[in-house]
Amino acid sequence: MEVSLVPFAKAAVMAIGVAFPAYSIGKIGAQAMESIGRNPESASKILVPMLLSCAFAEAIAIYVLVIAFTI
């Protein structure tokens, strides 16, 4: 009986490829909240770059999932 490694490859790509963007989104949010806590007046200046950074990190996770499902 022959075992295919494709499902294991998909699982590994998804696990690794989604873990790092999730970590980076958490780190972005934590640093943004820390900087807003230090300087509350800068909240409006920090919010937009934080959201853009989170969107780009999420896009990487979406690209990983698309690649994993096309394997």
PDB file of N, CA and C in Angstrom:
ATOM      1  N   MET A   1       0.852  -1.178   0.000  1.00  0.00           N
ATOM      2  CA  MET A   1       0.000   0.000   0.000  1.00  0.00           C
ATOM      3  C   MET A   1       0.896   1.240   0.000  1.00  0.00           C
ATOM      4  N   GLU A   2       0.634   2.121  -0.918  1.00  0.00           N
ATOM      5  CA  GLU A   2       1.449   3.318  -1.069  1.00  0.00           C
ATOM      6  C   GLU A   2       0.800   4.493  -0.344  1.00  0.00           C
ATOM      7  N   VAL A   3       1.594   5.201   0.442  1.00  0.00           N
ATOM      8  CA  VAL A   3       1.081   6.333   1.212  1.00  0.00           C
ATOM      9  C   VAL A   3       1.509   7.617   0.516  1.00  0.00           C
ATOM     10  N   SER A   4       0.547   8.504   0.301  1.00  0.00           N
ATOM     11  CA  SER A   4       0.836   9.782  -0.341  1.00  0.00           C
ATOM     12  C   SER A   4       1.250  10.808   0.714  1.00  0.00           C
ATOM     13  N   LEU A   5       2.294  11.555   0.409  1.00  0.00           N
ATOM     14  CA  LEU A   5       2.779  12.564   1.341  1.00  0.00           C
ATOM     15  C   LEU A   5       2.152  13.937   1.087  1.00  0.00           C
ATOM     16  N   VAL A   6       1.290  14.038   0.094  1.00  0.00           N
ATOM     17  CA  VAL A   6       0.683  15.328  -0.240  1.00  0.00           C
ATOM     18  C   VAL A   6      -0.148  15.895   0.911  1.00  0.00           C
ATOM     19  N   PRO A   7      -0.989  15.110   1.580  1.00  0.00           N
ATOM     20  CA  PRO A   7      -1.742  15.692   2.706  1.00  0.00           C
ATOM     21  C   PRO A   7      -0.841  16.179   3.841  1.00  0.00           C
ATOM     22  N   PHE A   8       0.251  15.471   4.075  1.00  0.00           N
ATOM     23  CA  PHE A   8       1.175  15.896   5.123  1.00  0.00           C
ATOM     24  C   PHE A   8       1.910  17.169   4.724  1.00  0.00           C
ATOM     25  N   ALA A   9       2.249  17.284   3.440  1.00  0.00           N
ATOM     26  CA  ALA A   9       2.897  18.499   2.942  1.00  0.00           C
ATOM     27  C   ALA A   9       1.959  19.691   3.055  1.00  0.00           C
ATOM     28  N   LYS A  10       0.697  19.493   2.707  1.00  0.00           N
ATOM     29  CA  LYS A  10      -0.288  20.576   2.839  1.00  0.00           C
ATOM     30  C   LYS A  10      -0.432  21.011   4.289  1.00  0.00           C
ATOM     31  N   ALA A  11      -0.502  20.049   5.187  1.00  0.00           N
ATOM     32  CA  ALA A  11      -0.651  20.372   6.608  1.00  0.00           C
ATOM     33  C   ALA A  11       0.562  21.125   7.132  1.00  0.00           C
ATOM     34  N   ALA A  12       1.752  20.729   6.715  1.00  0.00           N
ATOM     35  CA  ALA A  12       2.972  21.402   7.181  1.00  0.00           C
ATOM     36  C   ALA A  12       3.048  22.817   6.636  1.00  0.00           C
ATOM     37  N   VAL A  13       2.712  22.991   5.359  1.00  0.00           N
ATOM     38  CA  VAL A  13       2.750  24.327   4.759  1.00  0.00           C
ATOM     39  C   VAL A  13       1.746  25.241   5.445  1.00  0.00           C
ATOM     40  N   MET A  14       0.555  24.736   5.699  1.00  0.00           N
ATOM     41  CA  MET A  14      -0.467  25.574   6.348  1.00  0.00           C
ATOM     42  C   MET A  14      -0.088  25.895   7.784  1.00  0.00           C
ATOM     43  N   ALA A  15       0.442  24.927   8.508  1.00  0.00           N
ATOM     44  CA  ALA A  15       0.791  25.161   9.911  1.00  0.00           C
ATOM     45  C   ALA A  15       1.904  26.190  10.042  1.00  0.00           C
ATOM     46  N   ILE A  16       2.957  26.033   9.261  1.00  0.00           N
ATOM     47  CA  ILE A  16       4.081  26.956   9.350  1.00  0.00           C
ATOM     48  C   ILE A  16       3.715  28.308   8.748  1.00  0.00           C
ATOM     49  N   GLY A  17       3.030  28.273   7.612  1.00  0.00           N
ATOM     50  CA  GLY A  17       2.716  29.505   6.910  1.00  0.00           C
ATOM     51  C   GLY A  17       1.684  30.374   7.586  1.00  0.00           C
ATOM     52  N   VAL A  18       0.872  29.806   8.424  1.00  0.00           N
ATOM     53  CA  VAL A  18      -0.145  30.597   9.123  1.00  0.00           C
ATOM     54  C   VAL A  18       0.314  30.973  10.531  1.00  0.00           C
ATOM     55  N   ALA A  19       1.255  30.243  11.083  1.00  0.00           N
ATOM     56  CA  ALA A  19       1.721  30.535  12.441  1.00  0.00           C
ATOM     57  C   ALA A  19       2.495  31.851  12.499  1.00  0.00           C
ATOM     58  N   PHE A  20       3.346  32.090  11.527  1.00  0.00           N
ATOM     59  CA  PHE A  20       4.155  33.308  11.557  1.00  0.00           C
ATOM     60  C   PHE A  20       3.336  34.576  11.336  1.00  0.00           C
ATOM     61  N   PRO A  21       2.401  34.613  10.371  1.00  0.00           N
ATOM     62  CA  PRO A  21       1.554  35.810  10.284  1.00  0.00           C
ATOM     63  C   PRO A  21       0.692  36.029  11.535  1.00  0.00           C
ATOM     64  N   ALA A  22       0.235  34.946  12.151  1.00  0.00           N
ATOM     65  CA  ALA A  22      -0.548  35.099  13.385  1.00  0.00           C
ATOM     66  C   ALA A  22       0.304  35.705  14.488  1.00  0.00           C
ATOM     67  N   TYR A  23       1.541  35.256  14.594  1.00  0.00           N
ATOM     68  CA  TYR A  23       2.460  35.829  15.581  1.00  0.00           C
ATOM     69  C   TYR A  23       2.720  37.305  15.288  1.00  0.00           C
ATOM     70  N   SER A  24       2.926  37.623  14.015  1.00  0.00           N
ATOM     71  CA  SER A  24       3.242  39.014  13.675  1.00  0.00           C
ATOM     72  C   SER A  24       2.045  39.928  13.911  1.00  0.00           C
ATOM     73  N   ILE A  25       0.835  39.460  13.656  1.00  0.00           N
ATOM     74  CA  ILE A  25      -0.349  40.274  13.933  1.00  0.00           C
ATOM     75  C   ILE A  25      -0.469  40.529  15.432  1.00  0.00           C
ATOM     76  N   GLY A  26      -0.224  39.523  16.241  1.00  0.00           N
ATOM     77  CA  GLY A  26      -0.252  39.706  17.691  1.00  0.00           C
ATOM     78  C   GLY A  26       0.814  40.678  18.163  1.00  0.00           C
ATOM     79  N   LYS A  27       2.000  40.572  17.578  1.00  0.00           N
ATOM     80  CA  LYS A  27       3.093  41.474  17.950  1.00  0.00           C
ATOM     81  C   LYS A  27       2.784  42.905  17.525  1.00  0.00           C
ATOM     82  N   ILE A  28       2.221  43.093  16.344  1.00  0.00           N
ATOM     83  CA  ILE A  28       1.846  44.432  15.868  1.00  0.00           C
ATOM     84  C   ILE A  28       0.825  45.054  16.803  1.00  0.00           C
ATOM     85  N   GLY A  29      -0.196  44.279  17.152  1.00  0.00           N
ATOM     86  CA  GLY A  29      -1.227  44.796  18.050  1.00  0.00           C
ATOM     87  C   GLY A  29      -0.688  45.125  19.429  1.00  0.00           C
ATOM     88  N   ALA A  30       0.179  44.268  19.943  1.00  0.00           N
ATOM     89  CA  ALA A  30       0.737  44.510  21.274  1.00  0.00           C
ATOM     90  C   ALA A  30       1.600  45.764  21.301  1.00  0.00           C
ATOM     91  N   GLN A  31       2.433  45.933  20.284  1.00  0.00           N
ATOM     92  CA  GLN A  31       3.286  47.122  20.238  1.00  0.00           C
ATOM     93  C   GLN A  31       2.466  48.392  20.038  1.00  0.00           C
ATOM     94  N   ALA A  32       1.407  48.301  19.236  1.00  0.00           N
ATOM     95  CA  ALA A  32       0.550  49.475  19.033  1.00  0.00           C
ATOM     96  C   ALA A  32      -0.147  49.860  20.338  1.00  0.00           C
ATOM     97  N   MET A  33      -0.658  48.879  21.058  1.00  0.00           N
ATOM     98  CA  MET A  33      -1.326  49.187  22.325  1.00  0.00           C
ATOM     99  C   MET A  33      -0.338  49.721  23.352  1.00  0.00           C
ATOM    100  N   GLU A  34       0.868  49.208  23.341  1.00  0.00           N
ATOM    101  CA  GLU A  34       1.885  49.705  24.263  1.00  0.00           C
ATOM    102  C   GLU A  34       2.234  51.163  23.954  1.00  0.00           C
ATOM    103  N   SER A  35       2.375  51.482  22.674  1.00  0.00           N
ATOM    104  CA  SER A  35       2.723  52.863  22.318  1.00  0.00           C
ATOM    105  C   SER A  35       1.560  53.811  22.557  1.00  0.00           C
ATOM    106  N   ILE A  36       0.338  53.355  22.373  1.00  0.00           N
ATOM    107  CA  ILE A  36      -0.822  54.193  22.697  1.00  0.00           C
ATOM    108  C   ILE A  36      -0.918  54.379  24.199  1.00  0.00           C
ATOM    109  N   GLY A  37      -0.571  53.363  24.968  1.00  0.00           N
ATOM    110  CA  GLY A  37      -0.568  53.494  26.425  1.00  0.00           C
ATOM    111  C   GLY A  37       0.448  54.501  26.914  1.00  0.00           C
ATOM    112  N   ARG A  38       1.568  54.569  26.232  1.00  0.00           N
ATOM    113  CA  ARG A  38       2.594  55.540  26.618  1.00  0.00           C
ATOM    114  C   ARG A  38       2.221  56.956  26.198  1.00  0.00           C
ATOM    115  N   ASN A  39       1.588  57.080  25.031  1.00  0.00           N
ATOM    116  CA  ASN A  39       1.238  58.393  24.506  1.00  0.00           C
ATOM    117  C   ASN A  39      -0.174  58.338  23.924  1.00  0.00           C
ATOM    118  N   PRO A  40      -1.211  58.532  24.739  1.00  0.00           N
ATOM    119  CA  PRO A  40      -2.594  58.387  24.274  1.00  0.00           C
ATOM    120  C   PRO A  40      -2.990  59.356  23.154  1.00  0.00           C
ATOM    121  N   GLU A  41      -2.321  60.493  23.060  1.00  0.00           N
ATOM    122  CA  GLU A  41      -2.675  61.452  22.015  1.00  0.00           C
ATOM    123  C   GLU A  41      -2.299  60.950  20.621  1.00  0.00           C
ATOM    124  N   SER A  42      -1.421  59.984  20.544  1.00  0.00           N
ATOM    125  CA  SER A  42      -0.969  59.483  19.246  1.00  0.00           C
ATOM    126  C   SER A  42      -1.822  58.338  18.710  1.00  0.00           C
ATOM    127  N   ALA A  43      -2.942  58.069  19.345  1.00  0.00           N
ATOM    128  CA  ALA A  43      -3.770  56.923  18.947  1.00  0.00           C
ATOM    129  C   ALA A  43      -4.252  57.045  17.507  1.00  0.00           C
ATOM    130  N   SER A  44      -4.637  58.243  17.090  1.00  0.00           N
ATOM    131  CA  SER A  44      -5.138  58.399  15.728  1.00  0.00           C
ATOM    132  C   SER A  44      -4.026  58.230  14.692  1.00  0.00           C
ATOM    133  N   LYS A  45      -2.788  58.553  15.059  1.00  0.00           N
ATOM    134  CA  LYS A  45      -1.665  58.397  14.134  1.00  0.00           C
ATOM    135  C   LYS A  45      -1.158  56.960  14.075  1.00  0.00           C
ATOM    136  N   ILE A  46      -1.414  56.178  15.101  1.00  0.00           N
ATOM    137  CA  ILE A  46      -0.921  54.807  15.163  1.00  0.00           C
ATOM    138  C   ILE A  46      -1.931  53.828  14.567  1.00  0.00           C
ATOM    139  N   LEU A  47      -3.203  54.143  14.622  1.00  0.00           N
ATOM    140  CA  LEU A  47      -4.246  53.199  14.224  1.00  0.00           C
ATOM    141  C   LEU A  47      -4.143  52.789  12.754  1.00  0.00           C
ATOM    142  N   VAL A  48      -3.997  53.739  11.851  1.00  0.00           N
ATOM    143  CA  VAL A  48      -3.984  53.419  10.420  1.00  0.00           C
ATOM    144  C   VAL A  48      -2.759  52.568  10.044  1.00  0.00           C
ATOM    145  N   PRO A  49      -1.535  52.939  10.436  1.00  0.00           N
ATOM    146  CA  PRO A  49      -0.407  52.049  10.106  1.00  0.00           C
ATOM    147  C   PRO A  49      -0.522  50.667  10.738  1.00  0.00           C
ATOM    148  N   MET A  50      -1.123  50.589  11.928  1.00  0.00           N
ATOM    149  CA  MET A  50      -1.312  49.297  12.568  1.00  0.00           C
ATOM    150  C   MET A  50      -2.271  48.436  11.752  1.00  0.00           C
ATOM    151  N   LEU A  51      -3.367  49.016  11.307  1.00  0.00           N
ATOM    152  CA  LEU A  51      -4.332  48.255  10.518  1.00  0.00           C
ATOM    153  C   LEU A  51      -3.746  47.827   9.176  1.00  0.00           C
ATOM    154  N   LEU A  52      -2.968  48.691   8.546  1.00  0.00           N
ATOM    155  CA  LEU A  52      -2.317  48.324   7.286  1.00  0.00           C
ATOM    156  C   LEU A  52      -1.315  47.196   7.488  1.00  0.00           C
ATOM    157  N   SER A  53      -0.558  47.254   8.555  1.00  0.00           N
ATOM    158  CA  SER A  53       0.410  46.193   8.842  1.00  0.00           C
ATOM    159  C   SER A  53      -0.287  44.867   9.106  1.00  0.00           C
ATOM    160  N   CYS A  54      -1.378  44.914   9.832  1.00  0.00           N
ATOM    161  CA  CYS A  54      -2.145  43.685  10.081  1.00  0.00           C
ATOM    162  C   CYS A  54      -2.737  43.137   8.788  1.00  0.00           C
ATOM    163  N   ALA A  55      -3.190  44.010   7.908  1.00  0.00           N
ATOM    164  CA  ALA A  55      -3.747  43.562   6.633  1.00  0.00           C
ATOM    165  C   ALA A  55      -2.684  42.900   5.770  1.00  0.00           C
ATOM    166  N   PHE A  56      -1.479  43.469   5.744  1.00  0.00           N
ATOM    167  CA  PHE A  56      -0.407  42.860   4.953  1.00  0.00           C
ATOM    168  C   PHE A  56       0.016  41.515   5.538  1.00  0.00           C
ATOM    169  N   ALA A  57       0.074  41.411   6.846  1.00  0.00           N
ATOM    170  CA  ALA A  57       0.424  40.133   7.474  1.00  0.00           C
ATOM    171  C   ALA A  57      -0.659  39.091   7.211  1.00  0.00           C
ATOM    172  N   GLU A  58      -1.909  39.502   7.218  1.00  0.00           N
ATOM    173  CA  GLU A  58      -3.010  38.581   6.929  1.00  0.00           C
ATOM    174  C   GLU A  58      -2.986  38.150   5.472  1.00  0.00           C
ATOM    175  N   ALA A  59      -2.570  39.049   4.591  1.00  0.00           N
ATOM    176  CA  ALA A  59      -2.475  38.696   3.172  1.00  0.00           C
ATOM    177  C   ALA A  59      -1.442  37.591   2.953  1.00  0.00           C
ATOM    178  N   ILE A  60      -0.361  37.618   3.715  1.00  0.00           N
ATOM    179  CA  ILE A  60       0.637  36.554   3.603  1.00  0.00           C
ATOM    180  C   ILE A  60       0.020  35.213   3.984  1.00  0.00           C
ATOM    181  N   ALA A  61      -0.787  35.213   5.029  1.00  0.00           N
ATOM    182  CA  ALA A  61      -1.452  33.966   5.442  1.00  0.00           C
ATOM    183  C   ALA A  61      -2.415  33.481   4.365  1.00  0.00           C
ATOM    184  N   ILE A  62      -3.103  34.394   3.715  1.00  0.00           N
ATOM    185  CA  ILE A  62      -4.026  33.999   2.645  1.00  0.00           C
ATOM    186  C   ILE A  62      -3.253  33.426   1.465  1.00  0.00           C
ATOM    187  N   TYR A  63      -2.112  34.032   1.113  1.00  0.00           N
ATOM    188  CA  TYR A  63      -1.285  33.496   0.031  1.00  0.00           C
ATOM    189  C   TYR A  63      -0.805  32.093   0.358  1.00  0.00           C
ATOM    190  N   VAL A  64      -0.438  31.857   1.607  1.00  0.00           N
ATOM    191  CA  VAL A  64       0.015  30.530   2.019  1.00  0.00           C
ATOM    192  C   VAL A  64      -1.103  29.503   1.861  1.00  0.00           C
ATOM    193  N   LEU A  65      -2.301  29.868   2.259  1.00  0.00           N
ATOM    194  CA  LEU A  65      -3.419  28.931   2.125  1.00  0.00           C
ATOM    195  C   LEU A  65      -3.738  28.642   0.662  1.00  0.00           C
ATOM    196  N   VAL A  66      -3.665  29.654  -0.183  1.00  0.00           N
ATOM    197  CA  VAL A  66      -3.906  29.432  -1.614  1.00  0.00           C
ATOM    198  C   VAL A  66      -2.859  28.500  -2.192  1.00  0.00           C
ATOM    199  N   ILE A  67      -1.610  28.716  -1.834  1.00  0.00           N
ATOM    200  CA  ILE A  67      -0.536  27.840  -2.331  1.00  0.00           C
ATOM    201  C   ILE A  67      -0.706  26.417  -1.795  1.00  0.00           C
ATOM    202  N   ALA A  68      -1.084  26.300  -0.534  1.00  0.00           N
ATOM    203  CA  ALA A  68      -1.246  24.961   0.052  1.00  0.00           C
ATOM    204  C   ALA A  68      -2.385  24.189  -0.612  1.00  0.00           C
ATOM    205  N   PHE A  69      -3.444  24.874  -0.997  1.00  0.00           N
ATOM    206  CA  PHE A  69      -4.561  24.167  -1.627  1.00  0.00           C
ATOM    207  C   PHE A  69      -4.325  23.900  -3.101  1.00  0.00           C
ATOM    208  N   THR A  70      -3.315  24.532  -3.693  1.00  0.00           N
ATOM    209  CA  THR A  70      -3.008  24.220  -5.092  1.00  0.00           C
ATOM    210  C   THR A  70      -1.946  23.149  -5.228  1.00  0.00           C
ATOM    211  N   ILE A  71      -1.361  22.699  -4.120  1.00  0.00           N
ATOM    212  CA  ILE A  71      -0.367  21.616  -4.172  1.00  0.00           C
ATOM    213  C   ILE A  71      -1.061  20.329  -4.583  1.00  0.00           C
TER     214      ILE A  71
END
